[in-house]
Protein backbone atom coordinates (compact mmCIF):
# COMPACT_ATOMS: atom_id res chain seq x y z
CA MET A 1 0.00 0.00 0.00
CA PRO A 2 1.51 3.39 -0.97
CA LYS A 3 2.36 5.81 1.81
CA ALA A 4 0.18 8.84 2.20
CA ASP A 5 1.70 12.02 0.83
CA LYS A 6 2.70 14.13 3.85
CA LYS A 7 1.61 17.39 2.23
CA THR A 8 -1.80 15.95 1.34
CA PHE A 9 -2.25 14.49 4.81
CA HIS A 10 -1.60 17.79 6.61
CA LYS A 11 -3.69 19.70 4.12
CA ASN A 12 -6.75 17.52 4.78
CA LYS A 13 -6.29 17.22 8.53
CA PRO A 14 -9.19 18.82 10.46
CA ASP A 15 -8.38 22.22 11.90
CA PRO A 16 -10.36 22.67 15.13
CA THR A 17 -9.87 26.43 15.17
CA GLY A 18 -10.74 26.90 11.51
CA SER A 19 -7.58 28.97 11.18
CA ALA A 20 -6.13 27.30 8.09
CA GLN A 21 -9.14 28.16 5.94
CA ILE A 22 -9.46 31.62 7.45
CA ASN A 23 -5.88 32.48 6.52
CA LYS A 24 -6.70 31.78 2.89
CA VAL A 25 -9.82 33.92 2.91
CA PHE A 26 -8.90 36.97 4.99
CA LYS A 27 -6.37 39.68 5.16
CA PHE A 28 -6.87 40.84 8.72
CA ASN A 29 -7.58 44.54 9.19
CA THR A 30 -5.43 45.55 12.15
CA GLU A 31 -6.87 49.09 12.01
CA LEU A 32 -10.15 47.53 13.17
CA GLY A 33 -8.29 45.66 15.90
CA GLN A 34 -8.47 42.34 14.05
CA HIS A 35 -5.97 40.24 15.96
CA ILE A 36 -7.57 36.82 16.17
CA LEU A 37 -6.89 34.75 19.28
CA LYS A 38 -5.52 31.43 18.00
CA ASN A 39 -4.56 29.62 21.22
CA PRO A 40 -7.48 27.30 22.14
CA LEU A 41 -6.35 26.94 25.76
CA ILE A 42 -6.47 30.69 26.32
CA ALA A 43 -9.81 30.95 24.51
CA GLN A 44 -11.27 28.29 26.79
CA GLY A 45 -9.69 29.94 29.83
CA ILE A 46 -11.43 33.24 29.00
CA VAL A 47 -14.80 31.51 28.67
CA ASP A 48 -14.25 29.62 31.94
CA LYS A 49 -13.49 32.88 33.79
CA ALA A 50 -16.90 34.22 32.69
CA GLN A 51 -18.67 31.58 34.80
CA ILE A 52 -21.46 31.24 32.24
CA LYS A 53 -24.69 29.63 33.44
CA PRO A 54 -26.89 27.53 31.10
CA SER A 55 -29.59 30.22 31.41
CA ASP A 56 -27.26 33.11 30.54
CA VAL A 57 -27.43 35.43 27.55
CA VAL A 58 -23.93 36.46 26.48
CA LEU A 59 -22.87 39.49 24.45
CA GLU A 60 -19.60 39.10 22.56
CA ILE A 61 -18.00 42.21 21.12
CA GLY A 62 -15.92 41.58 18.00
CA PRO A 63 -16.26 37.80 17.59
CA GLY A 64 -14.06 37.73 14.50
CA THR A 65 -13.96 34.21 13.12
CA GLY A 66 -15.56 32.70 16.22
CA ASN A 67 -12.77 31.03 18.20
CA LEU A 68 -14.33 32.34 21.41
CA THR A 69 -17.89 32.30 20.11
CA VAL A 70 -18.17 28.54 19.58
CA ARG A 71 -17.01 27.91 23.14
CA ILE A 72 -19.47 30.45 24.53
CA LEU A 73 -22.31 28.90 22.53
CA GLU A 74 -21.62 25.52 24.12
CA GLN A 75 -22.36 26.96 27.58
CA ALA A 76 -24.86 29.80 27.13
CA ARG A 77 -28.57 29.88 26.31
CA LYS A 78 -28.11 32.63 23.73
CA VAL A 79 -25.21 34.61 22.24
CA TYR A 80 -25.40 38.03 20.62
CA ALA A 81 -22.23 38.67 18.63
CA ILE A 82 -21.59 42.28 17.57
CA GLU A 83 -19.37 42.43 14.49
CA VAL A 84 -18.42 45.40 12.32
CA ASP A 85 -16.82 43.43 9.45
CA PRO A 86 -19.31 41.67 7.07
CA LYS A 87 -16.65 39.17 5.96
CA MET A 88 -15.99 38.09 9.53
CA ALA A 89 -19.72 37.83 10.20
CA ALA A 90 -20.15 35.63 7.10
CA GLU A 91 -17.33 33.34 8.24
CA LEU A 92 -18.83 33.03 11.72
CA THR A 93 -22.26 32.23 10.24
CA LYS A 94 -20.71 29.55 8.04
CA ARG A 95 -18.83 28.10 11.00
CA VAL A 96 -21.97 27.26 12.99
CA GLN A 97 -24.28 26.57 10.06
CA GLY A 98 -25.96 23.17 10.25
CA THR A 99 -24.84 22.61 13.87
CA PRO A 100 -26.93 22.65 17.08
CA LEU A 101 -25.20 25.96 17.95
CA GLU A 102 -26.71 27.82 14.98
CA LYS A 103 -30.06 28.57 16.64
CA LYS A 104 -28.37 30.02 19.74
CA LEU A 105 -26.37 32.63 17.81
CA GLU A 106 -27.57 36.03 16.62
CA ILE A 107 -25.08 38.29 14.85
CA ILE A 108 -25.62 42.05 15.15
CA MET A 109 -23.86 44.06 12.47
CA GLY A 110 -22.41 47.36 13.66
CA ASP A 111 -20.02 49.18 15.97
CA PHE A 112 -20.67 48.46 19.66
CA MET A 113 -19.94 52.09 20.54
CA LYS A 114 -22.49 53.39 18.03
CA LEU A 115 -25.35 50.95 18.56
CA LYS A 116 -28.10 52.75 20.48
CA ASP A 117 -30.23 49.80 21.54
CA LEU A 118 -28.48 46.74 22.92
CA PRO A 119 -30.29 43.53 23.81
CA TYR A 120 -30.41 42.34 27.39
CA PHE A 121 -27.39 40.21 28.36
CA ASP A 122 -26.00 38.66 31.56
CA VAL A 123 -22.34 38.32 30.58
CA CYS A 124 -20.03 40.23 28.24
CA ILE A 125 -16.93 38.68 26.63
CA SER A 126 -14.59 40.39 24.21
CA ASN A 127 -11.21 40.14 22.57
CA THR A 128 -11.47 43.91 22.59
CA PRO A 129 -10.33 46.18 19.74
CA TYR A 130 -7.73 48.12 21.71
CA GLN A 131 -8.62 51.53 20.26
CA ILE A 132 -12.07 51.43 21.91
CA SER A 133 -11.08 49.79 25.21
CA SER A 134 -11.94 52.78 27.40
CA GLY A 135 -15.23 53.38 25.59
CA ILE A 136 -16.32 49.78 26.08
CA VAL A 137 -15.57 49.80 29.81
CA PHE A 138 -17.41 53.05 30.45
CA ARG A 139 -20.40 52.07 28.32
CA LEU A 140 -20.79 48.79 30.22
CA LEU A 141 -20.51 50.54 33.59
CA GLU A 142 -23.00 53.25 32.60
CA MET A 143 -25.71 50.78 31.60
CA PRO A 144 -28.91 50.84 33.69
CA ARG A 145 -28.55 47.06 33.99
CA PRO A 146 -24.87 46.22 33.47
CA PRO A 147 -23.81 42.59 32.91
CA ARG A 148 -23.12 40.39 35.90
CA ILE A 149 -19.59 39.73 34.66
CA ALA A 150 -17.48 41.10 31.82
CA VAL A 151 -14.32 39.24 30.78
CA LEU A 152 -12.35 41.45 28.42
CA MET A 153 -9.01 41.27 26.64
CA PHE A 154 -7.04 44.52 26.69
CA GLN A 155 -3.62 45.90 25.90
CA ARG A 156 -1.48 45.10 28.96
CA GLU A 157 -0.93 48.71 30.03
CA PHE A 158 -4.65 49.48 29.82
CA ALA A 159 -5.43 46.42 31.94
CA LEU A 160 -2.90 47.59 34.53
CA ASN A 161 -4.55 51.04 34.49
CA LEU A 162 -7.88 49.41 35.33
CA THR A 163 -6.47 47.55 38.31
CA ALA A 164 -4.01 50.20 39.59
CA ARG A 165 -4.46 51.40 43.19
CA PRO A 166 -3.96 54.86 44.74
CA GLY A 167 -0.26 55.66 44.77
CA ASP A 168 0.56 53.41 41.80
CA SER A 169 2.15 55.21 38.85
CA LEU A 170 -0.62 53.95 36.51
CA TYR A 171 -3.49 55.02 38.80
CA ASN A 172 -5.70 57.46 36.89
CA ARG A 173 -9.31 58.47 36.16
CA LEU A 174 -9.98 55.11 34.54
CA SER A 175 -8.75 53.26 37.67
CA ALA A 176 -10.86 55.34 40.07
CA ASN A 177 -13.93 55.18 37.86
CA ALA A 178 -13.83 51.45 37.16
CA GLN A 179 -13.19 50.59 40.80
CA MET A 180 -16.03 52.83 42.00
CA TRP A 181 -18.61 51.01 39.93
CA SER A 182 -17.15 47.50 39.85
CA ASN A 183 -14.72 44.99 41.26
CA VAL A 184 -11.85 44.61 38.80
CA LYS A 185 -9.36 41.76 38.70
CA HIS A 186 -6.44 40.95 36.40
CA VAL A 187 -6.84 37.25 35.57
CA MET A 188 -4.44 36.35 32.75
CA LYS A 189 -1.45 37.58 30.74
CA VAL A 190 -1.57 36.81 27.02
CA GLY A 191 1.58 37.04 24.90
CA LYS A 192 1.45 38.58 21.44
CA ASN A 193 2.28 35.28 19.72
CA ASN A 194 -1.10 33.89 20.75
CA PHE A 195 -2.74 36.10 18.09
CA ARG A 196 -2.91 36.09 14.33
CA PRO A 197 -1.47 38.47 13.22
CA PRO A 198 0.56 39.24 16.37
CA PRO A 199 -0.16 42.74 17.77
CA LYS A 200 2.71 45.07 18.65
CA VAL A 201 1.87 44.96 22.36
CA GLU A 202 1.32 42.38 25.08
CA SER A 203 -2.22 41.72 26.29
CA SER A 204 -4.08 40.86 29.48
CA VAL A 205 -7.50 39.54 30.39
CA VAL A 206 -9.49 41.41 33.03
CA LYS A 207 -12.65 40.38 34.85
CA ILE A 208 -15.05 43.20 35.73
CA GLU A 209 -17.98 42.57 38.08
CA PRO A 210 -20.25 45.65 38.34
CA LYS A 211 -21.35 46.41 41.89
CA PHE A 212 -24.96 45.60 42.72
CA PRO A 213 -26.75 47.61 43.84
CA LYS A 214 -24.98 50.47 42.10
CA PRO A 215 -23.44 53.20 44.29
CA ASN A 216 -26.13 55.79 44.94
CA ILE A 217 -24.47 58.68 43.13
CA ASP A 218 -24.91 60.27 39.72
CA TYR A 219 -22.41 58.79 37.26
CA ASN A 220 -21.96 62.05 35.33
CA GLU A 221 -21.33 64.02 38.53
CA TRP A 222 -18.79 61.49 39.74
CA ASP A 223 -17.01 61.31 36.40
CA GLY A 224 -17.09 65.10 36.08
CA LEU A 225 -15.24 65.46 39.38
CA LEU A 226 -12.67 62.85 38.34
CA ARG A 227 -12.06 64.63 35.04
CA PHE A 228 -11.05 67.76 36.95
CA CYS A 229 -8.97 65.87 39.50
CA PHE A 230 -7.04 63.69 37.03
CA ASN A 231 -6.48 66.35 34.42
CA ARG A 232 -3.32 67.10 36.42
CA LYS A 233 -3.23 64.18 38.83
CA ASN A 234 0.16 65.02 40.36
CA LYS A 235 -0.82 68.59 41.24
CA THR A 236 -2.36 69.35 44.63
CA LEU A 237 -6.14 69.82 44.73
CA ASN A 238 -5.56 73.43 45.79
CA SER A 239 -3.60 73.98 42.59
CA ILE A 240 -6.23 72.25 40.43
CA PHE A 241 -9.35 73.89 41.82
CA LYS A 242 -7.91 77.39 42.13
CA ASN A 243 -6.84 77.43 38.49
CA ASN A 244 -8.68 80.25 36.68
CA LYS A 245 -9.98 78.03 33.88
CA ILE A 246 -11.39 75.54 36.38
CA LEU A 247 -12.92 78.35 38.45
CA ASP A 248 -14.63 79.74 35.33
CA ILE A 249 -16.22 76.36 34.63
CA LEU A 250 -17.30 75.96 38.27
CA GLU A 251 -18.81 79.45 38.25
CA LYS A 252 -20.84 78.63 35.14
CA ASN A 253 -22.03 75.38 36.72
CA TYR A 254 -22.91 77.21 39.94
CA LYS A 255 -25.01 79.78 38.08
CA THR A 256 -26.85 77.02 36.21
CA TYR A 257 -27.51 75.22 39.50
CA LEU A 258 -28.96 78.37 41.11
CA GLN A 259 -31.13 79.13 38.06
CA LEU A 260 -32.61 75.62 38.11
CA LEU A 261 -33.16 75.88 41.85
CA SER A 262 -34.96 79.21 41.36
CA GLU A 263 -37.28 77.64 38.78
CA GLN A 264 -38.01 74.61 40.95
CA LYS A 265 -38.77 76.56 44.12
CA GLY A 266 -40.31 79.60 42.51
CA ASP A 267 -37.94 81.84 44.46
CA MET A 268 -35.44 84.38 43.13
CA ILE A 269 -32.39 82.52 44.42
CA TYR A 270 -30.33 83.52 41.40
CA ASP A 271 -29.18 87.17 41.48
CA ASP A 272 -27.73 88.77 38.32
CA SER A 273 -25.89 91.36 40.39
CA ALA A 274 -24.04 88.87 42.60
CA ASP A 275 -20.29 88.28 42.17
CA TYR A 276 -20.54 84.53 41.67
CA GLY A 277 -16.89 84.24 40.71
CA GLU A 278 -15.85 85.38 44.18
CA ILE A 279 -18.51 83.19 45.84
CA VAL A 280 -17.20 80.11 44.02
CA LYS A 281 -13.62 80.91 45.04
CA GLN A 282 -14.69 81.15 48.68
CA ASN A 283 -16.67 77.92 48.45
CA VAL A 284 -13.75 76.06 46.88
CA SER A 285 -11.49 77.26 49.72
CA LYS A 286 -14.12 76.12 52.23
CA VAL A 287 -14.26 72.63 50.67
CA MET A 288 -10.47 72.29 50.66
CA GLU A 289 -10.27 73.35 54.30
CA GLU A 290 -13.14 71.18 55.55
CA THR A 291 -12.01 68.02 53.74
CA GLY A 292 -8.33 68.54 54.46
CA PHE A 293 -7.56 67.58 50.85
CA GLY A 294 -6.09 70.89 49.68
CA ASP A 295 -2.49 69.71 49.83
CA LYS A 296 -3.25 66.18 48.60
CA ARG A 297 -2.87 64.84 45.07
CA SER A 298 -5.51 62.95 43.09
CA SER A 299 -3.05 60.13 42.43
CA LYS A 300 -3.11 59.34 46.18
CA LEU A 301 -6.89 59.53 46.80
CA ASP A 302 -9.18 56.50 46.95
CA GLN A 303 -12.92 56.17 46.25
CA THR A 304 -13.93 57.17 49.79
CA ASP A 305 -11.84 60.34 49.51
CA PHE A 306 -13.43 61.31 46.18
CA LEU A 307 -16.92 60.65 47.57
CA LYS A 308 -16.16 62.90 50.54
CA LEU A 309 -14.90 65.59 48.14
CA LEU A 310 -17.98 65.33 45.90
CA TYR A 311 -20.32 65.57 48.90
CA ALA A 312 -18.49 68.65 50.23
CA PHE A 313 -18.76 70.41 46.86
CA HIS A 314 -22.48 69.62 46.68
CA GLN A 315 -22.98 71.11 50.15
CA VAL A 316 -21.86 74.50 48.81
CA GLY A 317 -23.80 74.18 45.55
CA ILE A 318 -20.90 73.28 43.23
CA HIS A 319 -21.71 70.55 40.71
CA PHE A 320 -19.79 68.83 37.92
CA ALA A 321 -22.45 67.82 35.39
């Protein structure tokens, strides 16, 4: 009996990831963040970290060719896959066609950041396009009903930003915001050679569990305060909040607050002749003195400190949204 031709044998050997055929069909668009995860062990590890229940609905952002998707489908009741590239969506459809998984998958064409109406989902999983990492995190945290768990792949430095603590060099607005609204944990490092094509940076997987119930504060107010504080995170709060540009913004916000209060109460609380610039300066000084944060830096403050600061500003009528 003649020996099998080695080239023919390898050519016809089943490819569990579908990667051989995909390489022939696609030229990956790295500008869209198309770096396909090719390591099946890491793909399964990501799905395992999501702790998917049989009753769960899962949203996957950027499924690509489906290396994560098929594993999610095996565990979830339903999967919504949001894909911006029609060719990738067609490949994913083909991959599950004629299998029991087909009925559980619904592909939504579009950009996650631009889609206005998202379906309900319990879990979010994504090999995230790195250029929209921050946008994805904030959109998930802002949702009226955020997912129970989000397991997301990010550029390593971004992941370390998410998990950085007060005093760490990478601690910033993203760190403080994410940790206010969720519990964040770094769960896995992923080397660049685990992707096709390899990205220029190393990656990490992060698990985000939004707090329930949500903290009883207005998201826009909280984020507005953090934007001021972390604009120059290594300056003292005295230096930040006594800057003329910041004072001008706070004065405008203060006037708006008083005008709305006048309308609500039917009283003339707002006075055109008042020197609101000077009033705001005095109120800022009062907040710095009462909180004791004037000489502190944002990079050293934790969530409790920022909450105390926000409450003190509200007590004197200064708002951030």
